PDB file of N, CA and C in Angstrom:
ATOM      1  N   MET A   1     -12.296   4.713  15.637  1.00  0.00           N
ATOM      2  CA  MET A   1     -12.558   3.507  15.671  1.00  0.00           C
ATOM      3  C   MET A   1     -12.484   3.151  17.349  1.00  0.00           C
ATOM      4  N   LEU A   2     -11.489   3.717  17.959  1.00  0.00           N
ATOM      5  CA  LEU A   2     -11.611   3.714  19.509  1.00  0.00           C
ATOM      6  C   LEU A   2     -12.468   3.985  19.953  1.00  0.00           C
ATOM      7  N   ALA A   3     -13.027   5.702  20.124  1.00  0.00           N
ATOM      8  CA  ALA A   3     -14.311   6.007  20.125  1.00  0.00           C
ATOM      9  C   ALA A   3     -15.726   5.168  20.291  1.00  0.00           C
ATOM     10  N   THR A   4     -15.227   4.967  19.527  1.00  0.00           N
ATOM     11  CA  THR A   4     -16.663   4.102  18.480  1.00  0.00           C
ATOM     12  C   THR A   4     -16.728   2.706  19.565  1.00  0.00           C
ATOM     13  N   TYR A   5     -15.538   2.053  19.813  1.00  0.00           N
ATOM     14  CA  TYR A   5     -16.398   0.687  21.018  1.00  0.00           C
ATOM     15  C   TYR A   5     -15.979   0.512  21.386  1.00  0.00           C
ATOM     16  N   GLY A   6     -15.066   2.460  21.932  1.00  0.00           N
ATOM     17  CA  GLY A   6     -16.697   2.914  23.560  1.00  0.00           C
ATOM     18  C   GLY A   6     -17.631   2.836  23.632  1.00  0.00           C
ATOM     19  N   LEU A   7     -17.847   3.664  22.738  1.00  0.00           N
ATOM     20  CA  LEU A   7     -19.355   4.049  22.187  1.00  0.00           C
ATOM     21  C   LEU A   7     -20.511   2.434  22.001  1.00  0.00           C
ATOM     22  N   LEU A   8     -19.231   1.168  21.528  1.00  0.00           N
ATOM     23  CA  LEU A   8     -20.106   1.130  21.459  1.00  0.00           C
ATOM     24  C   LEU A   8     -19.930  -0.301  22.645  1.00  0.00           C
ATOM     25  N   GLY A   9     -19.486  -0.764  24.048  1.00  0.00           N
ATOM     26  CA  GLY A   9     -19.155  -0.972  25.145  1.00  0.00           C
ATOM     27  C   GLY A   9     -18.110  -2.798  24.345  1.00  0.00           C
ATOM     28  N   ARG A  10     -17.263  -3.146  23.672  1.00  0.00           N
ATOM     29  CA  ARG A  10     -16.822  -3.051  23.165  1.00  0.00           C
ATOM     30  C   ARG A  10     -14.531  -2.605  23.249  1.00  0.00           C
ATOM     31  N   ARG A  11     -14.763  -2.749  24.846  1.00  0.00           N
ATOM     32  CA  ARG A  11     -13.389  -2.690  25.501  1.00  0.00           C
ATOM     33  C   ARG A  11     -12.732  -3.937  25.815  1.00  0.00           C
ATOM     34  N   GLU A  12     -12.343  -4.445  25.161  1.00  0.00           N
ATOM     35  CA  GLU A  12     -12.164  -6.109  24.498  1.00  0.00           C
ATOM     36  C   GLU A  12     -10.697  -5.365  22.843  1.00  0.00           C
ATOM     37  N   ASP A  13     -12.166  -4.848  22.016  1.00  0.00           N
ATOM     38  CA  ASP A  13     -11.112  -3.962  21.087  1.00  0.00           C
ATOM     39  C   ASP A  13      -9.860  -2.992  20.996  1.00  0.00           C
ATOM     40  N   ALA A  14     -11.585  -2.541  22.180  1.00  0.00           N
ATOM     41  CA  ALA A  14     -10.268  -0.645  22.179  1.00  0.00           C
ATOM     42  C   ALA A  14      -9.547  -1.542  23.403  1.00  0.00           C
ATOM     43  N   ALA A  15      -8.725  -1.964  24.094  1.00  0.00           N
ATOM     44  CA  ALA A  15      -7.604  -2.214  24.735  1.00  0.00           C
ATOM     45  C   ALA A  15      -6.702  -3.243  23.102  1.00  0.00           C
ATOM     46  N   LYS A  16      -7.229  -3.000  22.893  1.00  0.00           N
ATOM     47  CA  LYS A  16      -6.387  -4.241  21.249  1.00  0.00           C
ATOM     48  C   LYS A  16      -6.001  -2.527  20.335  1.00  0.00           C
ATOM     49  N   VAL A  17      -7.082  -1.635  20.040  1.00  0.00           N
ATOM     50  CA  VAL A  17      -6.213  -0.796  19.759  1.00  0.00           C
ATOM     51  C   VAL A  17      -5.459   0.150  21.123  1.00  0.00           C
ATOM     52  N   ILE A  18      -5.319   0.470  21.379  1.00  0.00           N
ATOM     53  CA  ILE A  18      -4.876   1.210  22.682  1.00  0.00           C
ATOM     54  C   ILE A  18      -3.409   0.447  22.053  1.00  0.00           C
ATOM     55  N   ALA A  19      -2.978  -1.246  22.803  1.00  0.00           N
ATOM     56  CA  ALA A  19      -2.113  -1.688  22.717  1.00  0.00           C
ATOM     57  C   ALA A  19      -1.515  -1.831  21.536  1.00  0.00           C
ATOM     58  N   ALA A  20      -2.045  -1.575  20.206  1.00  0.00           N
ATOM     59  CA  ALA A  20      -1.505  -1.045  19.051  1.00  0.00           C
ATOM     60  C   ALA A  20      -0.913   0.535  18.578  1.00  0.00           C
ATOM     61  N   ILE A  21      -1.336   0.782  19.004  1.00  0.00           N
ATOM     62  CA  ILE A  21      -0.817   2.211  18.990  1.00  0.00           C
ATOM     63  C   ILE A  21       0.430   2.525  20.069  1.00  0.00           C
ATOM     64  N   LYS A  22       0.265   1.907  20.869  1.00  0.00           N
ATOM     65  CA  LYS A  22       1.077   2.670  21.575  1.00  0.00           C
ATOM     66  C   LYS A  22       2.751   1.502  21.774  1.00  0.00           C
ATOM     67  N   GLU A  23       2.043  -0.017  21.302  1.00  0.00           N
ATOM     68  CA  GLU A  23       3.396  -0.183  20.661  1.00  0.00           C
ATOM     69  C   GLU A  23       4.349  -0.026  19.226  1.00  0.00           C
ATOM     70  N   LYS A  24       3.255   1.386  18.489  1.00  0.00           N
ATOM     71  CA  LYS A  24       3.917   1.750  17.227  1.00  0.00           C
ATOM     72  C   LYS A  24       3.973   3.650  17.767  1.00  0.00           C
ATOM     73  N   ASP A  25       4.592   3.195  18.908  1.00  0.00           N
ATOM     74  CA  ASP A  25       4.768   5.156  19.656  1.00  0.00           C
ATOM     75  C   ASP A  25       6.208   4.974  19.346  1.00  0.00           C
ATOM     76  N   HIS A  26       6.474   5.045  18.497  1.00  0.00           N
ATOM     77  CA  HIS A  26       8.276   5.262  18.443  1.00  0.00           C
ATOM     78  C   HIS A  26       9.001   7.352  18.842  1.00  0.00           C
ATOM     79  N   ARG A  27       7.533   7.925  19.433  1.00  0.00           N
ATOM     80  CA  ARG A  27       8.637   9.116  19.781  1.00  0.00           C
ATOM     81  C   ARG A  27       9.186   9.478  20.432  1.00  0.00           C
ATOM     82  N   GLY A  28       9.226   8.203  21.540  1.00  0.00           N
ATOM     83  CA  GLY A  28      10.766   7.617  22.954  1.00  0.00           C
ATOM     84  C   GLY A  28      10.969   9.012  23.303  1.00  0.00           C
ATOM     85  N   ARG A  29      12.082   9.146  24.010  1.00  0.00           N
ATOM     86  CA  ARG A  29      12.056  10.681  25.327  1.00  0.00           C
ATOM     87  C   ARG A  29       9.866  11.500  24.662  1.00  0.00           C
ATOM     88  N   VAL A  30      10.376  12.288  23.905  1.00  0.00           N
ATOM     89  CA  VAL A  30       9.539  13.339  23.637  1.00  0.00           C
ATOM     90  C   VAL A  30       8.021  12.570  23.643  1.00  0.00           C
ATOM     91  N   ALA A  31       7.307  11.064  24.025  1.00  0.00           N
ATOM     92  CA  ALA A  31       6.006  10.812  24.406  1.00  0.00           C
ATOM     93  C   ALA A  31       4.686  11.623  24.849  1.00  0.00           C
ATOM     94  N   PHE A  32       6.484  11.775  25.704  1.00  0.00           N
ATOM     95  CA  PHE A  32       5.630  13.182  26.932  1.00  0.00           C
ATOM     96  C   PHE A  32       4.624  13.781  26.371  1.00  0.00           C
ATOM     97  N   MET A  33       4.774  15.257  25.665  1.00  0.00           N
ATOM     98  CA  MET A  33       4.514  16.465  24.953  1.00  0.00           C
ATOM     99  C   MET A  33       2.848  16.427  23.649  1.00  0.00           C
ATOM    100  N   ASP A  34       2.300  14.661  23.782  1.00  0.00           N
ATOM    101  CA  ASP A  34       1.048  14.892  23.409  1.00  0.00           C
ATOM    102  C   ASP A  34       0.919  13.350  23.718  1.00  0.00           C
ATOM    103  N   PRO A  35       0.530  13.305  24.843  1.00  0.00           N
ATOM    104  CA  PRO A  35       0.024  11.775  25.848  1.00  0.00           C
ATOM    105  C   PRO A  35      -0.971  11.829  25.169  1.00  0.00           C
ATOM    106  N   MET A  36      -1.331  10.093  25.081  1.00  0.00           N
ATOM    107  CA  MET A  36      -2.611   9.808  24.450  1.00  0.00           C
ATOM    108  C   MET A  36      -3.354   9.647  25.369  1.00  0.00           C
ATOM    109  N   THR A  37      -4.096  10.764  25.461  1.00  0.00           N
ATOM    110  CA  THR A  37      -4.998  11.241  26.568  1.00  0.00           C
ATOM    111  C   THR A  37      -6.245  11.712  25.197  1.00  0.00           C
ATOM    112  N   ILE A  38      -8.230  11.410  26.436  1.00  0.00           N
ATOM    113  CA  ILE A  38      -8.627  12.873  26.084  1.00  0.00           C
ATOM    114  C   ILE A  38      -8.886  13.805  25.090  1.00  0.00           C
ATOM    115  N   LYS A  39      -8.049  14.395  25.952  1.00  0.00           N
ATOM    116  CA  LYS A  39      -7.776  16.767  26.350  1.00  0.00           C
ATOM    117  C   LYS A  39      -6.951  16.319  24.277  1.00  0.00           C
ATOM    118  N   ALA A  40      -5.543  15.453  24.418  1.00  0.00           N
ATOM    119  CA  ALA A  40      -4.577  15.498  23.188  1.00  0.00           C
ATOM    120  C   ALA A  40      -5.430  15.409  21.984  1.00  0.00           C
ATOM    121  N   LEU A  41      -6.134  14.395  22.500  1.00  0.00           N
ATOM    122  CA  LEU A  41      -7.173  13.242  21.004  1.00  0.00           C
ATOM    123  C   LEU A  41      -7.610  14.372  20.934  1.00  0.00           C
ATOM    124  N   ALA A  42      -8.709  15.182  21.249  1.00  0.00           N
ATOM    125  CA  ALA A  42      -9.422  16.555  21.413  1.00  0.00           C
ATOM    126  C   ALA A  42      -8.598  17.224  20.627  1.00  0.00           C
ATOM    127  N   TYR A  43      -7.655  17.540  20.936  1.00  0.00           N
ATOM    128  CA  TYR A  43      -7.382  18.984  20.332  1.00  0.00           C
ATOM    129  C   TYR A  43      -6.513  18.720  18.218  1.00  0.00           C
ATOM    130  N   TRP A  44      -7.088  17.473  18.414  1.00  0.00           N
ATOM    131  CA  TRP A  44      -5.548  16.672  17.474  1.00  0.00           C
ATOM    132  C   TRP A  44      -7.166  16.244  15.940  1.00  0.00           C
ATOM    133  N   HIS A  45      -8.935  16.925  17.238  1.00  0.00           N
ATOM    134  CA  HIS A  45      -9.461  15.733  16.076  1.00  0.00           C
ATOM    135  C   HIS A  45     -10.955  16.587  16.790  1.00  0.00           C
ATOM    136  N   PRO A  46     -10.953  18.336  16.344  1.00  0.00           N
ATOM    137  CA  PRO A  46     -12.260  19.299  16.704  1.00  0.00           C
ATOM    138  C   PRO A  46     -13.416  18.376  16.539  1.00  0.00           C
ATOM    139  N   PHE A  47     -14.003  19.581  16.604  1.00  0.00           N
ATOM    140  CA  PHE A  47     -15.401  18.759  16.168  1.00  0.00           C
ATOM    141  C   PHE A  47     -16.603  20.247  16.486  1.00  0.00           C
ATOM    142  N   ALA A  48     -17.353  20.945  15.345  1.00  0.00           N
ATOM    143  CA  ALA A  48     -17.148  21.911  15.337  1.00  0.00           C
ATOM    144  C   ALA A  48     -18.404  22.334  16.011  1.00  0.00           C
ATOM    145  N   ASN A  49     -19.046  21.023  16.312  1.00  0.00           N
ATOM    146  CA  ASN A  49     -20.546  21.081  17.241  1.00  0.00           C
ATOM    147  C   ASN A  49     -20.092  20.087  18.296  1.00  0.00           C
ATOM    148  N   PRO A  50     -20.844  21.146  19.446  1.00  0.00           N
ATOM    149  CA  PRO A  50     -20.174  20.118  21.222  1.00  0.00           C
ATOM    150  C   PRO A  50     -20.205  18.921  21.272  1.00  0.00           C
ATOM    151  N   ALA A  51     -22.208  18.499  20.959  1.00  0.00           N
ATOM    152  CA  ALA A  51     -22.636  17.604  21.257  1.00  0.00           C
ATOM    153  C   ALA A  51     -22.152  16.410  20.534  1.00  0.00           C
ATOM    154  N   ASP A  52     -21.158  16.421  20.121  1.00  0.00           N
ATOM    155  CA  ASP A  52     -20.639  15.379  18.542  1.00  0.00           C
ATOM    156  C   ASP A  52     -19.109  15.069  19.424  1.00  0.00           C
ATOM    157  N   ALA A  53     -18.310  16.372  21.055  1.00  0.00           N
ATOM    158  CA  ALA A  53     -17.436  16.263  20.706  1.00  0.00           C
ATOM    159  C   ALA A  53     -17.732  15.308  21.886  1.00  0.00           C
ATOM    160  N   GLU A  54     -18.431  15.649  22.936  1.00  0.00           N
ATOM    161  CA  GLU A  54     -19.174  14.856  24.259  1.00  0.00           C
ATOM    162  C   GLU A  54     -19.010  13.599  23.866  1.00  0.00           C
ATOM    163  N   ARG A  55     -19.585  12.764  22.288  1.00  0.00           N
ATOM    164  CA  ARG A  55     -19.684  12.057  22.042  1.00  0.00           C
ATOM    165  C   ARG A  55     -18.794  11.219  21.805  1.00  0.00           C
ATOM    166  N   PHE A  56     -17.589  11.536  20.906  1.00  0.00           N
ATOM    167  CA  PHE A  56     -16.306  11.262  21.171  1.00  0.00           C
ATOM    168  C   PHE A  56     -15.965  11.409  22.167  1.00  0.00           C
ATOM    169  N   ALA A  57     -15.315  12.030  23.028  1.00  0.00           N
ATOM    170  CA  ALA A  57     -14.215  12.747  24.197  1.00  0.00           C
ATOM    171  C   ALA A  57     -15.393  10.526  25.197  1.00  0.00           C
ATOM    172  N   ASP A  58     -16.801  10.397  25.459  1.00  0.00           N
ATOM    173  CA  ASP A  58     -17.790  10.114  26.295  1.00  0.00           C
ATOM    174  C   ASP A  58     -17.021   8.152  25.360  1.00  0.00           C
ATOM    175  N   GLY A  59     -16.849   8.559  24.131  1.00  0.00           N
ATOM    176  CA  GLY A  59     -16.592   6.970  23.878  1.00  0.00           C
ATOM    177  C   GLY A  59     -15.055   6.778  23.818  1.00  0.00           C
ATOM    178  N   LEU A  60     -14.465   7.795  24.003  1.00  0.00           N
ATOM    179  CA  LEU A  60     -12.658   7.368  24.919  1.00  0.00           C
ATOM    180  C   LEU A  60     -12.743   7.370  26.177  1.00  0.00           C
ATOM    181  N   ARG A  61     -13.157   7.452  26.112  1.00  0.00           N
ATOM    182  CA  ARG A  61     -13.663   6.786  28.218  1.00  0.00           C
ATOM    183  C   ARG A  61     -13.645   6.603  28.260  1.00  0.00           C
ATOM    184  N   THR A  62     -15.786   5.687  27.986  1.00  0.00           N
ATOM    185  CA  THR A  62     -15.448   4.682  27.541  1.00  0.00           C
ATOM    186  C   THR A  62     -14.905   2.947  27.599  1.00  0.00           C
ATOM    187  N   ALA A  63     -13.922   3.490  26.139  1.00  0.00           N
ATOM    188  CA  ALA A  63     -12.644   2.517  26.057  1.00  0.00           C
ATOM    189  C   ALA A  63     -11.949   3.273  26.356  1.00  0.00           C
ATOM    190  N   GLY A  64     -11.753   3.833  28.030  1.00  0.00           N
ATOM    191  CA  GLY A  64     -10.126   3.587  28.798  1.00  0.00           C
ATOM    192  C   GLY A  64      -9.301   4.178  28.167  1.00  0.00           C
ATOM    193  N   VAL A  65      -9.661   6.085  27.289  1.00  0.00           N
ATOM    194  CA  VAL A  65      -8.320   6.564  27.033  1.00  0.00           C
ATOM    195  C   VAL A  65      -8.317   7.247  28.256  1.00  0.00           C
ATOM    196  N   PRO A  66      -7.548   7.692  29.066  1.00  0.00           N
ATOM    197  CA  PRO A  66      -7.295   8.856  30.548  1.00  0.00           C
ATOM    198  C   PRO A  66      -7.913   9.965  30.433  1.00  0.00           C
ATOM    199  N   GLU A  67      -8.584  11.194  30.926  1.00  0.00           N
ATOM    200  CA  GLU A  67      -8.804  11.603  30.587  1.00  0.00           C
ATOM    201  C   GLU A  67      -7.200  12.786  30.212  1.00  0.00           C
TER     202      GLU A  67
END
């Protein structure tokens, strides 16, 4: 959903999703081990087609997720 909001240009909705994710992050001291970055999200959501992976990354980037 976050990447989709980014691809649709719905930055306000994307910001709300990011805030909700951070609000529910109860990992405490270990949060640094799996930050919400494009690289980390790409690891957990792999794509067989590189073009799909790049489109996903573009959506996340536009939504405001750091590299």
